[in-house]
């Protein structure tokens, strides 16, 4: 099986307490299901604050996060799936979609293995 990353993006406007509670319950059910199916790898929730580091022409740090169309990155989920099509079907189950969010799905590429340096004997 391959691994896929779900980049979870939430609206910048806060949820009501009732909606937040409902979404937590839905996430709990989904992650339980994914664990039972041995498809859950791990997940993370991002803080609502952060910094952006720019690289040109010199390194600058700004205490802001990237927001586009009032949507910001709010977490990620890593799952196992047989194919991108299956991963996309699982992404459609994400509760964030019911609350104005989006899910970007990407395949996790294997990390290249370092090549050993050639040994020279003198």
PDB file of N, CA and C in Angstrom:
ATOM      1  N   UNK A   1       0.834  -1.196   0.000  1.00  0.00           N
ATOM      2  CA  UNK A   1       0.000   0.000   0.000  1.00  0.00           C
ATOM      3  C   UNK A   1       0.869   1.247   0.000  1.00  0.00           C
ATOM      4  N   UNK A   2       0.369   2.275  -0.605  1.00  0.00           N
ATOM      5  CA  UNK A   2       1.048   3.566  -0.611  1.00  0.00           C
ATOM      6  C   UNK A   2       0.494   4.415   0.527  1.00  0.00           C
ATOM      7  N   UNK A   3       1.221   5.479   0.835  1.00  0.00           N
ATOM      8  CA  UNK A   3       0.735   6.430   1.831  1.00  0.00           C
ATOM      9  C   UNK A   3       0.330   7.720   1.132  1.00  0.00           C
ATOM     10  N   UNK A   4      -0.742   8.306   1.629  1.00  0.00           N
ATOM     11  CA  UNK A   4      -1.271   9.558   1.097  1.00  0.00           C
ATOM     12  C   UNK A   4      -1.436  10.547   2.234  1.00  0.00           C
ATOM     13  N   UNK A   5      -1.176  11.803   1.929  1.00  0.00           N
ATOM     14  CA  UNK A   5      -1.318  12.868   2.909  1.00  0.00           C
ATOM     15  C   UNK A   5      -2.547  13.683   2.554  1.00  0.00           C
ATOM     16  N   UNK A   6      -3.417  13.851   3.523  1.00  0.00           N
ATOM     17  CA  UNK A   6      -4.578  14.730   3.374  1.00  0.00           C
ATOM     18  C   UNK A   6      -4.207  16.049   4.051  1.00  0.00           C
ATOM     19  N   UNK A   7      -4.070  17.110   3.268  1.00  0.00           N
ATOM     20  CA  UNK A   7      -3.838  18.442   3.821  1.00  0.00           C
ATOM     21  C   UNK A   7      -5.209  19.062   4.078  1.00  0.00           C
ATOM     22  N   UNK A   8      -5.505  19.283   5.336  1.00  0.00           N
ATOM     23  CA  UNK A   8      -6.836  19.747   5.749  1.00  0.00           C
ATOM     24  C   UNK A   8      -6.819  21.266   5.866  1.00  0.00           C
ATOM     25  N   UNK A   9      -7.764  21.900   5.195  1.00  0.00           N
ATOM     26  CA  UNK A   9      -7.852  23.354   5.166  1.00  0.00           C
ATOM     27  C   UNK A   9      -9.214  23.791   5.684  1.00  0.00           C
ATOM     28  N   UNK A  10      -9.191  24.705   6.655  1.00  0.00           N
ATOM     29  CA  UNK A  10     -10.423  25.172   7.306  1.00  0.00           C
ATOM     30  C   UNK A  10     -10.699  26.624   6.984  1.00  0.00           C
ATOM     31  N   UNK A  11     -11.984  27.007   7.011  1.00  0.00           N
ATOM     32  CA  UNK A  11     -12.308  28.435   6.900  1.00  0.00           C
ATOM     33  C   UNK A  11     -11.703  29.191   8.083  1.00  0.00           C
ATOM     34  N   UNK A  12     -11.349  30.443   7.872  1.00  0.00           N
ATOM     35  CA  UNK A  12     -10.750  31.235   8.948  1.00  0.00           C
ATOM     36  C   UNK A  12     -11.772  31.648  10.004  1.00  0.00           C
ATOM     37  N   UNK A  13     -13.058  31.652   9.645  1.00  0.00           N
ATOM     38  CA  UNK A  13     -14.063  32.025  10.649  1.00  0.00           C
ATOM     39  C   UNK A  13     -14.252  30.852  11.622  1.00  0.00           C
ATOM     40  N   UNK A  14     -14.289  31.137  12.923  1.00  0.00           N
ATOM     41  CA  UNK A  14     -14.384  30.063  13.911  1.00  0.00           C
ATOM     42  C   UNK A  14     -15.742  29.358  13.865  1.00  0.00           C
ATOM     43  N   UNK A  15     -15.725  28.077  14.217  1.00  0.00           N
ATOM     44  CA  UNK A  15     -16.967  27.300  14.302  1.00  0.00           C
ATOM     45  C   UNK A  15     -17.674  27.621  15.612  1.00  0.00           C
ATOM     46  N   UNK A  16     -18.980  27.446  15.619  1.00  0.00           N
ATOM     47  CA  UNK A  16     -19.715  27.545  16.882  1.00  0.00           C
ATOM     48  C   UNK A  16     -19.286  26.370  17.752  1.00  0.00           C
ATOM     49  N   UNK A  17     -19.520  26.454  19.034  1.00  0.00           N
ATOM     50  CA  UNK A  17     -19.160  25.356  19.945  1.00  0.00           C
ATOM     51  C   UNK A  17     -19.878  24.071  19.552  1.00  0.00           C
ATOM     52  N   UNK A  18     -21.140  24.188  19.138  1.00  0.00           N
ATOM     53  CA  UNK A  18     -21.907  23.004  18.729  1.00  0.00           C
ATOM     54  C   UNK A  18     -21.309  22.370  17.474  1.00  0.00           C
ATOM     55  N   UNK A  19     -20.940  23.200  16.492  1.00  0.00           N
ATOM     56  CA  UNK A  19     -20.323  22.676  15.270  1.00  0.00           C
ATOM     57  C   UNK A  19     -18.961  22.053  15.560  1.00  0.00           C
ATOM     58  N   UNK A  20     -18.179  22.698  16.432  1.00  0.00           N
ATOM     59  CA  UNK A  20     -16.861  22.164  16.787  1.00  0.00           C
ATOM     60  C   UNK A  20     -17.011  20.795  17.456  1.00  0.00           C
ATOM     61  N   UNK A  21     -17.983  20.666  18.347  1.00  0.00           N
ATOM     62  CA  UNK A  21     -18.238  19.390  19.015  1.00  0.00           C
ATOM     63  C   UNK A  21     -18.667  18.334  18.004  1.00  0.00           C
ATOM     64  N   UNK A  22     -19.543  18.699  17.091  1.00  0.00           N
ATOM     65  CA  UNK A  22     -20.007  17.762  16.057  1.00  0.00           C
ATOM     66  C   UNK A  22     -18.846  17.303  15.183  1.00  0.00           C
ATOM     67  N   UNK A  23     -17.981  18.243  14.792  1.00  0.00           N
ATOM     68  CA  UNK A  23     -16.855  17.875  13.943  1.00  0.00           C
ATOM     69  C   UNK A  23     -15.897  16.947  14.693  1.00  0.00           C
ATOM     70  N   UNK A  24     -15.645  17.200  15.983  1.00  0.00           N
ATOM     71  CA  UNK A  24     -14.767  16.311  16.772  1.00  0.00           C
ATOM     72  C   UNK A  24     -15.341  14.900  16.825  1.00  0.00           C
ATOM     73  N   UNK A  25     -16.643  14.780  17.010  1.00  0.00           N
ATOM     74  CA  UNK A  25     -17.279  13.454  17.034  1.00  0.00           C
ATOM     75  C   UNK A  25     -17.130  12.747  15.692  1.00  0.00           C
ATOM     76  N   UNK A  26     -17.346  13.489  14.602  1.00  0.00           N
ATOM     77  CA  UNK A  26     -17.215  12.899  13.264  1.00  0.00           C
ATOM     78  C   UNK A  26     -15.778  12.470  12.983  1.00  0.00           C
ATOM     79  N   UNK A  27     -14.799  13.290  13.395  1.00  0.00           N
ATOM     80  CA  UNK A  27     -13.398  12.915  13.208  1.00  0.00           C
ATOM     81  C   UNK A  27     -13.078  11.657  14.009  1.00  0.00           C
ATOM     82  N   UNK A  28     -13.603  11.582  15.216  1.00  0.00           N
ATOM     83  CA  UNK A  28     -13.379  10.396  16.047  1.00  0.00           C
ATOM     84  C   UNK A  28     -13.892   9.132  15.380  1.00  0.00           C
ATOM     85  N   UNK A  29     -15.080   9.212  14.808  1.00  0.00           N
ATOM     86  CA  UNK A  29     -15.642   8.047  14.104  1.00  0.00           C
ATOM     87  C   UNK A  29     -14.806   7.680  12.880  1.00  0.00           C
ATOM     88  N   UNK A  30     -14.383   8.704  12.109  1.00  0.00           N
ATOM     89  CA  UNK A  30     -13.605   8.423  10.903  1.00  0.00           C
ATOM     90  C   UNK A  30     -12.247   7.816  11.253  1.00  0.00           C
ATOM     91  N   UNK A  31     -11.533   8.393  12.215  1.00  0.00           N
ATOM     92  CA  UNK A  31     -10.215   7.857  12.539  1.00  0.00           C
ATOM     93  C   UNK A  31     -10.320   6.466  13.165  1.00  0.00           C
ATOM     94  N   UNK A  32     -11.381   6.199  13.918  1.00  0.00           N
ATOM     95  CA  UNK A  32     -11.598   4.848  14.447  1.00  0.00           C
ATOM     96  C   UNK A  32     -11.785   3.865  13.297  1.00  0.00           C
ATOM     97  N   UNK A  33     -12.588   4.238  12.324  1.00  0.00           N
ATOM     98  CA  UNK A  33     -12.809   3.372  11.153  1.00  0.00           C
ATOM     99  C   UNK A  33     -11.507   3.123  10.404  1.00  0.00           C
ATOM    100  N   UNK A  34     -10.739   4.180  10.170  1.00  0.00           N
ATOM    101  CA  UNK A  34      -9.475   4.034   9.447  1.00  0.00           C
ATOM    102  C   UNK A  34      -8.491   3.158  10.218  1.00  0.00           C
ATOM    103  N   UNK A  35      -8.481   3.279  11.541  1.00  0.00           N
ATOM    104  CA  UNK A  35      -7.615   2.408  12.364  1.00  0.00           C
ATOM    105  C   UNK A  35      -8.058   0.948  12.247  1.00  0.00           C
ATOM    106  N   UNK A  36      -9.359   0.715  12.331  1.00  0.00           N
ATOM    107  CA  UNK A  36      -9.876  -0.653  12.226  1.00  0.00           C
ATOM    108  C   UNK A  36      -9.536  -1.272  10.876  1.00  0.00           C
ATOM    109  N   UNK A  37      -9.520  -0.463   9.822  1.00  0.00           N
ATOM    110  CA  UNK A  37      -9.191  -0.936   8.470  1.00  0.00           C
ATOM    111  C   UNK A  37      -7.678  -0.903   8.215  1.00  0.00           C
ATOM    112  N   UNK A  38      -6.905  -0.559   9.241  1.00  0.00           N
ATOM    113  CA  UNK A  38      -5.445  -0.450   9.166  1.00  0.00           C
ATOM    114  C   UNK A  38      -4.992   0.507   8.062  1.00  0.00           C
ATOM    115  N   UNK A  39      -5.733   1.598   7.917  1.00  0.00           N
ATOM    116  CA  UNK A  39      -5.396   2.618   6.920  1.00  0.00           C
ATOM    117  C   UNK A  39      -4.877   3.899   7.569  1.00  0.00           C
ATOM    118  N   UNK A  40      -5.081   4.030   8.868  1.00  0.00           N
ATOM    119  CA  UNK A  40      -4.640   5.238   9.571  1.00  0.00           C
ATOM    120  C   UNK A  40      -3.155   5.113   9.883  1.00  0.00           C
ATOM    121  N   UNK A  41      -2.374   6.140   9.526  1.00  0.00           N
ATOM    122  CA  UNK A  41      -0.955   6.179   9.874  1.00  0.00           C
ATOM    123  C   UNK A  41      -0.759   7.156  11.028  1.00  0.00           C
ATOM    124  N   UNK A  42      -1.096   8.424  10.803  1.00  0.00           N
ATOM    125  CA  UNK A  42      -1.038   9.429  11.855  1.00  0.00           C
ATOM    126  C   UNK A  42      -1.734  10.699  11.405  1.00  0.00           C
ATOM    127  N   UNK A  43      -1.985  11.570  12.349  1.00  0.00           N
ATOM    128  CA  UNK A  43      -2.639  12.832  12.035  1.00  0.00           C
ATOM    129  C   UNK A  43      -2.151  13.927  12.961  1.00  0.00           C
ATOM    130  N   UNK A  44      -2.246  15.164  12.486  1.00  0.00           N
ATOM    131  CA  UNK A  44      -1.791  16.324  13.245  1.00  0.00           C
ATOM    132  C   UNK A  44      -2.783  17.462  13.088  1.00  0.00           C
ATOM    133  N   UNK A  45      -2.954  18.218  14.164  1.00  0.00           N
ATOM    134  CA  UNK A  45      -3.725  19.451  14.121  1.00  0.00           C
ATOM    135  C   UNK A  45      -2.730  20.601  14.196  1.00  0.00           C
ATOM    136  N   UNK A  46      -2.876  21.586  13.320  1.00  0.00           N
ATOM    137  CA  UNK A  46      -1.975  22.733  13.327  1.00  0.00           C
ATOM    138  C   UNK A  46      -2.544  23.832  14.211  1.00  0.00           C
ATOM    139  N   UNK A  47      -1.669  24.586  14.837  1.00  0.00           N
ATOM    140  CA  UNK A  47      -2.085  25.755  15.600  1.00  0.00           C
ATOM    141  C   UNK A  47      -2.585  26.824  14.626  1.00  0.00           C
ATOM    142  N   UNK A  48      -3.407  27.714  15.110  1.00  0.00           N
ATOM    143  CA  UNK A  48      -3.953  28.775  14.250  1.00  0.00           C
ATOM    144  C   UNK A  48      -2.968  29.916  14.060  1.00  0.00           C
ATOM    145  N   UNK A  49      -1.833  29.861  14.735  1.00  0.00           N
ATOM    146  CA  UNK A  49      -0.809  30.888  14.566  1.00  0.00           C
ATOM    147  C   UNK A  49       0.465  30.234  14.058  1.00  0.00           C
ATOM    148  N   UNK A  50       1.284  31.002  13.399  1.00  0.00           N
ATOM    149  CA  UNK A  50       2.536  30.468  12.871  1.00  0.00           C
ATOM    150  C   UNK A  50       3.348  31.569  12.227  1.00  0.00           C
ATOM    151  N   UNK A  51       4.382  31.171  11.535  1.00  0.00           N
ATOM    152  CA  UNK A  51       5.280  32.112  10.875  1.00  0.00           C
ATOM    153  C   UNK A  51       5.534  31.660   9.446  1.00  0.00           C
ATOM    154  N   UNK A  52       5.844  32.616   8.601  1.00  0.00           N
ATOM    155  CA  UNK A  52       6.228  32.347   7.227  1.00  0.00           C
ATOM    156  C   UNK A  52       7.654  32.832   7.033  1.00  0.00           C
ATOM    157  N   UNK A  53       8.489  31.974   6.466  1.00  0.00           N
ATOM    158  CA  UNK A  53       9.870  32.330   6.163  1.00  0.00           C
ATOM    159  C   UNK A  53       9.978  32.490   4.652  1.00  0.00           C
ATOM    160  N   UNK A  54      10.409  33.657   4.222  1.00  0.00           N
ATOM    161  CA  UNK A  54      10.622  33.935   2.798  1.00  0.00           C
ATOM    162  C   UNK A  54      12.109  33.839   2.490  1.00  0.00           C
ATOM    163  N   UNK A  55      12.437  33.432   1.250  1.00  0.00           N
ATOM    164  CA  UNK A  55      13.822  33.167   0.944  1.00  0.00           C
ATOM    165  C   UNK A  55      14.499  34.082  -0.038  1.00  0.00           C
ATOM    166  N   UNK A  56      13.798  35.032  -0.619  1.00  0.00           N
ATOM    167  CA  UNK A  56      14.529  35.847  -1.580  1.00  0.00           C
ATOM    168  C   UNK A  56      14.081  37.300  -1.468  1.00  0.00           C
ATOM    169  N   UNK A  57      14.957  38.250  -1.617  1.00  0.00           N
ATOM    170  CA  UNK A  57      16.379  38.024  -1.858  1.00  0.00           C
ATOM    171  C   UNK A  57      17.130  37.622  -0.591  1.00  0.00           C
ATOM    172  N   UNK A  58      16.566  37.862   0.596  1.00  0.00           N
ATOM    173  CA  UNK A  58      17.206  37.411   1.836  1.00  0.00           C
ATOM    174  C   UNK A  58      16.144  36.754   2.709  1.00  0.00           C
ATOM    175  N   UNK A  59      16.567  36.021   3.678  1.00  0.00           N
ATOM    176  CA  UNK A  59      15.629  35.310   4.558  1.00  0.00           C
ATOM    177  C   UNK A  59      14.896  36.309   5.453  1.00  0.00           C
ATOM    178  N   UNK A  60      13.581  36.286   5.407  1.00  0.00           N
ATOM    179  CA  UNK A  60      12.782  37.124   6.299  1.00  0.00           C
ATOM    180  C   UNK A  60      11.743  36.245   6.972  1.00  0.00           C
ATOM    181  N   UNK A  61      11.427  36.566   8.189  1.00  0.00           N
ATOM    182  CA  UNK A  61      10.441  35.823   8.964  1.00  0.00           C
ATOM    183  C   UNK A  61       9.300  36.765   9.304  1.00  0.00           C
ATOM    184  N   UNK A  62       8.086  36.318   8.987  1.00  0.00           N
ATOM    185  CA  UNK A  62       6.909  37.129   9.287  1.00  0.00           C
ATOM    186  C   UNK A  62       5.953  36.299  10.142  1.00  0.00           C
ATOM    187  N   UNK A  63       5.386  36.898  11.195  1.00  0.00           N
ATOM    188  CA  UNK A  63       4.490  36.158  12.077  1.00  0.00           C
ATOM    189  C   UNK A  63       3.076  36.040  11.491  1.00  0.00           C
ATOM    190  N   UNK A  64       3.000  35.429  10.318  1.00  0.00           N
ATOM    191  CA  UNK A  64       1.698  35.242   9.664  1.00  0.00           C
ATOM    192  C   UNK A  64       1.670  33.853   9.028  1.00  0.00           C
ATOM    193  N   UNK A  65       0.479  33.352   8.806  1.00  0.00           N
ATOM    194  CA  UNK A  65       0.311  32.086   8.108  1.00  0.00           C
ATOM    195  C   UNK A  65      -0.360  32.364   6.773  1.00  0.00           C
ATOM    196  N   UNK A  66      -0.215  31.442   5.845  1.00  0.00           N
ATOM    197  CA  UNK A  66      -0.780  31.599   4.520  1.00  0.00           C
ATOM    198  C   UNK A  66      -2.289  31.363   4.560  1.00  0.00           C
ATOM    199  N   UNK A  67      -3.051  32.330   4.102  1.00  0.00           N
ATOM    200  CA  UNK A  67      -4.513  32.237   4.005  1.00  0.00           C
ATOM    201  C   UNK A  67      -4.884  32.581   2.572  1.00  0.00           C
ATOM    202  N   UNK A  68      -5.704  31.744   1.962  1.00  0.00           N
ATOM    203  CA  UNK A  68      -6.148  31.992   0.592  1.00  0.00           C
ATOM    204  C   UNK A  68      -7.663  31.813   0.549  1.00  0.00           C
ATOM    205  N   UNK A  69      -8.373  32.823   0.071  1.00  0.00           N
ATOM    206  CA  UNK A  69      -9.848  32.794   0.009  1.00  0.00           C
ATOM    207  C   UNK A  69     -10.466  32.426   1.357  1.00  0.00           C
ATOM    208  N   UNK A  70      -9.913  32.978   2.432  1.00  0.00           N
ATOM    209  CA  UNK A  70     -10.387  32.735   3.800  1.00  0.00           C
ATOM    210  C   UNK A  70     -10.296  31.271   4.213  1.00  0.00           C
ATOM    211  N   UNK A  71      -9.344  30.532   3.624  1.00  0.00           N
ATOM    212  CA  UNK A  71      -9.095  29.130   3.975  1.00  0.00           C
ATOM    213  C   UNK A  71      -7.632  29.019   4.399  1.00  0.00           C
ATOM    214  N   UNK A  72      -7.376  28.296   5.504  1.00  0.00           N
ATOM    215  CA  UNK A  72      -5.995  28.121   5.955  1.00  0.00           C
ATOM    216  C   UNK A  72      -5.744  26.666   6.323  1.00  0.00           C
ATOM    217  N   UNK A  73      -4.484  26.257   6.235  1.00  0.00           N
ATOM    218  CA  UNK A  73      -4.103  24.892   6.609  1.00  0.00           C
ATOM    219  C   UNK A  73      -4.388  24.704   8.090  1.00  0.00           C
ATOM    220  N   UNK A  74      -5.076  23.612   8.426  1.00  0.00           N
ATOM    221  CA  UNK A  74      -5.429  23.381   9.827  1.00  0.00           C
ATOM    222  C   UNK A  74      -4.963  22.028  10.340  1.00  0.00           C
ATOM    223  N   UNK A  75      -4.456  21.167   9.457  1.00  0.00           N
ATOM    224  CA  UNK A  75      -3.964  19.878   9.916  1.00  0.00           C
ATOM    225  C   UNK A  75      -3.651  18.966   8.754  1.00  0.00           C
ATOM    226  N   UNK A  76      -3.235  17.763   9.093  1.00  0.00           N
ATOM    227  CA  UNK A  76      -2.991  16.771   8.055  1.00  0.00           C
ATOM    228  C   UNK A  76      -3.263  15.383   8.614  1.00  0.00           C
ATOM    229  N   UNK A  77      -3.563  14.506   7.717  1.00  0.00           N
ATOM    230  CA  UNK A  77      -3.840  13.112   8.043  1.00  0.00           C
ATOM    231  C   UNK A  77      -3.029  12.275   7.064  1.00  0.00           C
ATOM    232  N   UNK A  78      -2.355  11.272   7.547  1.00  0.00           N
ATOM    233  CA  UNK A  78      -1.607  10.373   6.680  1.00  0.00           C
ATOM    234  C   UNK A  78      -2.295   9.017   6.726  1.00  0.00           C
ATOM    235  N   UNK A  79      -2.651   8.509   5.557  1.00  0.00           N
ATOM    236  CA  UNK A  79      -3.378   7.247   5.468  1.00  0.00           C
ATOM    237  C   UNK A  79      -2.665   6.299   4.501  1.00  0.00           C
ATOM    238  N   UNK A  80      -3.018   5.020   4.619  1.00  0.00           N
ATOM    239  CA  UNK A  80      -2.564   4.010   3.656  1.00  0.00           C
ATOM    240  C   UNK A  80      -3.720   3.700   2.726  1.00  0.00           C
ATOM    241  N   UNK A  81      -3.385   3.536   1.449  1.00  0.00           N
ATOM    242  CA  UNK A  81      -4.413   3.248   0.462  1.00  0.00           C
ATOM    243  C   UNK A  81      -3.780   2.500  -0.704  1.00  0.00           C
ATOM    244  N   UNK A  82      -4.593   1.736  -1.393  1.00  0.00           N
ATOM    245  CA  UNK A  82      -4.102   0.989  -2.555  1.00  0.00           C
ATOM    246  C   UNK A  82      -3.908   1.865  -3.785  1.00  0.00           C
ATOM    247  N   UNK A  83      -4.602   3.003  -3.837  1.00  0.00           N
ATOM    248  CA  UNK A  83      -4.532   3.841  -5.031  1.00  0.00           C
ATOM    249  C   UNK A  83      -4.969   5.262  -4.701  1.00  0.00           C
ATOM    250  N   UNK A  84      -4.665   6.179  -5.607  1.00  0.00           N
ATOM    251  CA  UNK A  84      -5.125   7.557  -5.464  1.00  0.00           C
ATOM    252  C   UNK A  84      -6.649   7.596  -5.484  1.00  0.00           C
ATOM    253  N   UNK A  85      -7.289   6.794  -6.344  1.00  0.00           N
ATOM    254  CA  UNK A  85      -8.755   6.778  -6.398  1.00  0.00           C
ATOM    255  C   UNK A  85      -9.354   6.403  -5.050  1.00  0.00           C
ATOM    256  N   UNK A  86      -8.783   5.390  -4.409  1.00  0.00           N
ATOM    257  CA  UNK A  86      -9.287   4.990  -3.090  1.00  0.00           C
ATOM    258  C   UNK A  86      -9.025   6.089  -2.065  1.00  0.00           C
ATOM    259  N   UNK A  87      -7.839   6.705  -2.131  1.00  0.00           N
ATOM    260  CA  UNK A  87      -7.527   7.798  -1.209  1.00  0.00           C
ATOM    261  C   UNK A  87      -8.502   8.959  -1.383  1.00  0.00           C
ATOM    262  N   UNK A  88      -8.860   9.270  -2.625  1.00  0.00           N
ATOM    263  CA  UNK A  88      -9.814  10.349  -2.872  1.00  0.00           C
ATOM    264  C   UNK A  88     -11.192  10.016  -2.316  1.00  0.00           C
ATOM    265  N   UNK A  89     -11.595   8.749  -2.396  1.00  0.00           N
ATOM    266  CA  UNK A  89     -12.883   8.343  -1.804  1.00  0.00           C
ATOM    267  C   UNK A  89     -12.845   8.506  -0.289  1.00  0.00           C
ATOM    268  N   UNK A  90     -11.720   8.148   0.322  1.00  0.00           N
ATOM    269  CA  UNK A  90     -11.590   8.324   1.768  1.00  0.00           C
ATOM    270  C   UNK A  90     -11.573   9.803   2.134  1.00  0.00           C
ATOM    271  N   UNK A  91     -10.932  10.625   1.314  1.00  0.00           N
ATOM    272  CA  UNK A  91     -10.885  12.070   1.586  1.00  0.00           C
ATOM    273  C   UNK A  91     -12.286  12.676   1.593  1.00  0.00           C
ATOM    274  N   UNK A  92     -13.169  12.124   0.785  1.00  0.00           N
ATOM    275  CA  UNK A  92     -14.537  12.640   0.729  1.00  0.00           C
ATOM    276  C   UNK A  92     -15.309  12.379   2.017  1.00  0.00           C
ATOM    277  N   UNK A  93     -14.774  11.532   2.896  1.00  0.00           N
ATOM    278  CA  UNK A  93     -15.414  11.257   4.181  1.00  0.00           C
ATOM    279  C   UNK A  93     -14.979  12.234   5.270  1.00  0.00           C
ATOM    280  N   UNK A  94     -13.999  13.085   4.982  1.00  0.00           N
ATOM    281  CA  UNK A  94     -13.463  13.990   6.004  1.00  0.00           C
ATOM    282  C   UNK A  94     -14.520  14.994   6.452  1.00  0.00           C
ATOM    283  N   UNK A  95     -14.763  15.075   7.760  1.00  0.00           N
ATOM    284  CA  UNK A  95     -15.787  15.984   8.289  1.00  0.00           C
ATOM    285  C   UNK A  95     -15.549  17.452   7.982  1.00  0.00           C
ATOM    286  N   UNK A  96     -14.313  17.829   7.749  1.00  0.00           N
ATOM    287  CA  UNK A  96     -14.009  19.239   7.483  1.00  0.00           C
ATOM    288  C   UNK A  96     -14.780  19.757   6.274  1.00  0.00           C
ATOM    289  N   UNK A  97     -15.115  18.851   5.352  1.00  0.00           N
ATOM    290  CA  UNK A  97     -15.855  19.236   4.144  1.00  0.00           C
ATOM    291  C   UNK A  97     -17.264  19.729   4.472  1.00  0.00           C
ATOM    292  N   UNK A  98     -17.840  19.208   5.558  1.00  0.00           N
ATOM    293  CA  UNK A  98     -19.187  19.615   5.966  1.00  0.00           C
ATOM    294  C   UNK A  98     -19.219  20.980   6.638  1.00  0.00           C
ATOM    295  N   UNK A  99     -18.029  21.537   6.905  1.00  0.00           N
ATOM    296  CA  UNK A  99     -17.950  22.807   7.620  1.00  0.00           C
ATOM    297  C   UNK A  99     -17.208  23.862   6.810  1.00  0.00           C
ATOM    298  N   UNK A 100     -17.237  23.725   5.469  1.00  0.00           N
ATOM    299  CA  UNK A 100     -16.660  24.730   4.589  1.00  0.00           C
ATOM    300  C   UNK A 100     -15.188  24.559   4.280  1.00  0.00           C
ATOM    301  N   UNK A 101     -14.604  23.443   4.705  1.00  0.00           N
ATOM    302  CA  UNK A 101     -13.183  23.222   4.467  1.00  0.00           C
ATOM    303  C   UNK A 101     -12.912  22.457   3.187  1.00  0.00           C
ATOM    304  N   UNK A 102     -11.636  22.229   2.938  1.00  0.00           N
ATOM    305  CA  UNK A 102     -11.205  21.466   1.766  1.00  0.00           C
ATOM    306  C   UNK A 102     -10.160  20.443   2.199  1.00  0.00           C
ATOM    307  N   UNK A 103      -9.958  19.438   1.344  1.00  0.00           N
ATOM    308  CA  UNK A 103      -8.927  18.428   1.585  1.00  0.00           C
ATOM    309  C   UNK A 103      -8.104  18.291   0.308  1.00  0.00           C
ATOM    310  N   UNK A 104      -6.816  18.524   0.429  1.00  0.00           N
ATOM    311  CA  UNK A 104      -5.898  18.310  -0.689  1.00  0.00           C
ATOM    312  C   UNK A 104      -5.230  16.962  -0.462  1.00  0.00           C
ATOM    313  N   UNK A 105      -5.221  16.106  -1.477  1.00  0.00           N
ATOM    314  CA  UNK A 105      -4.671  14.758  -1.346  1.00  0.00           C
ATOM    315  C   UNK A 105      -3.398  14.658  -2.183  1.00  0.00           C
ATOM    316  N   UNK A 106      -2.333  14.187  -1.536  1.00  0.00           N
ATOM    317  CA  UNK A 106      -1.061  13.990  -2.239  1.00  0.00           C
ATOM    318  C   UNK A 106      -0.457  12.651  -1.833  1.00  0.00           C
ATOM    319  N   UNK A 107       0.183  12.010  -2.800  1.00  0.00           N
ATOM    320  CA  UNK A 107       0.885  10.773  -2.483  1.00  0.00           C
ATOM    321  C   UNK A 107       2.185  11.119  -1.759  1.00  0.00           C
ATOM    322  N   UNK A 108       2.464  10.370  -0.717  1.00  0.00           N
ATOM    323  CA  UNK A 108       3.727  10.544   0.009  1.00  0.00           C
ATOM    324  C   UNK A 108       4.791   9.767  -0.742  1.00  0.00           C
ATOM    325  N   UNK A 109       5.798  10.476  -1.179  1.00  0.00           N
ATOM    326  CA  UNK A 109       6.869   9.847  -1.942  1.00  0.00           C
ATOM    327  C   UNK A 109       7.903   9.263  -0.986  1.00  0.00           C
ATOM    328  N   UNK A 110       8.490   8.130  -1.359  1.00  0.00           N
ATOM    329  CA  UNK A 110       9.520   7.554  -0.480  1.00  0.00           C
ATOM    330  C   UNK A 110      10.742   8.463  -0.404  1.00  0.00           C
ATOM    331  N   UNK A 111      11.343   8.486   0.750  1.00  0.00           N
ATOM    332  CA  UNK A 111      12.542   9.291   0.943  1.00  0.00           C
ATOM    333  C   UNK A 111      13.703   8.595   0.237  1.00  0.00           C
ATOM    334  N   UNK A 112      14.467   9.333  -0.577  1.00  0.00           N
ATOM    335  CA  UNK A 112      15.608   8.696  -1.240  1.00  0.00           C
ATOM    336  C   UNK A 112      16.628   8.212  -0.221  1.00  0.00           C
ATOM    337  N   UNK A 113      17.176   7.054  -0.465  1.00  0.00           N
ATOM    338  CA  UNK A 113      18.203   6.504   0.415  1.00  0.00           C
ATOM    339  C   UNK A 113      19.551   7.125   0.051  1.00  0.00           C
ATOM    340  N   UNK A 114      20.322   7.515   1.062  1.00  0.00           N
ATOM    341  CA  UNK A 114      21.634   8.084   0.757  1.00  0.00           C
ATOM    342  C   UNK A 114      22.528   7.013   0.103  1.00  0.00           C
ATOM    343  N   UNK A 115      23.274   7.447  -0.860  1.00  0.00           N
ATOM    344  CA  UNK A 115      24.190   6.545  -1.546  1.00  0.00           C
ATOM    345  C   UNK A 115      25.522   6.518  -0.783  1.00  0.00           C
ATOM    346  N   UNK A 116      26.076   5.316  -0.593  1.00  0.00           N
ATOM    347  CA  UNK A 116      27.364   5.278   0.118  1.00  0.00           C
ATOM    348  C   UNK A 116      28.456   5.938  -0.729  1.00  0.00           C
ATOM    349  N   UNK A 117      29.363   6.574  -0.035  1.00  0.00           N
ATOM    350  CA  UNK A 117      30.478   7.205  -0.719  1.00  0.00           C
ATOM    351  C   UNK A 117      31.461   6.135  -1.176  1.00  0.00           C
ATOM    352  N   UNK A 118      32.084   6.331  -2.326  1.00  0.00           N
ATOM    353  CA  UNK A 118      33.058   5.336  -2.765  1.00  0.00           C
ATOM    354  C   UNK A 118      34.262   5.296  -1.824  1.00  0.00           C
ATOM    355  N   UNK A 119      34.742   4.137  -1.608  1.00  0.00           N
ATOM    356  CA  UNK A 119      35.906   3.955  -0.727  1.00  0.00           C
ATOM    357  C   UNK A 119      37.151   3.866  -1.595  1.00  0.00           C
ATOM    358  N   UNK A 120      38.127   4.666  -1.280  1.00  0.00           N
ATOM    359  CA  UNK A 120      39.401   4.595  -1.994  1.00  0.00           C
ATOM    360  C   UNK A 120      40.477   4.152  -1.011  1.00  0.00           C
ATOM    361  N   UNK A 121      41.268   3.233  -1.441  1.00  0.00           N
ATOM    362  CA  UNK A 121      42.352   2.718  -0.604  1.00  0.00           C
ATOM    363  C   UNK A 121      43.672   3.225  -1.176  1.00  0.00           C
ATOM    364  N   UNK A 122      44.453   3.824  -0.334  1.00  0.00           N
ATOM    365  CA  UNK A 122      45.750   4.366  -0.769  1.00  0.00           C
ATOM    366  C   UNK A 122      46.854   3.433  -0.368  1.00  0.00           C
TER     367      UNK A 122
END
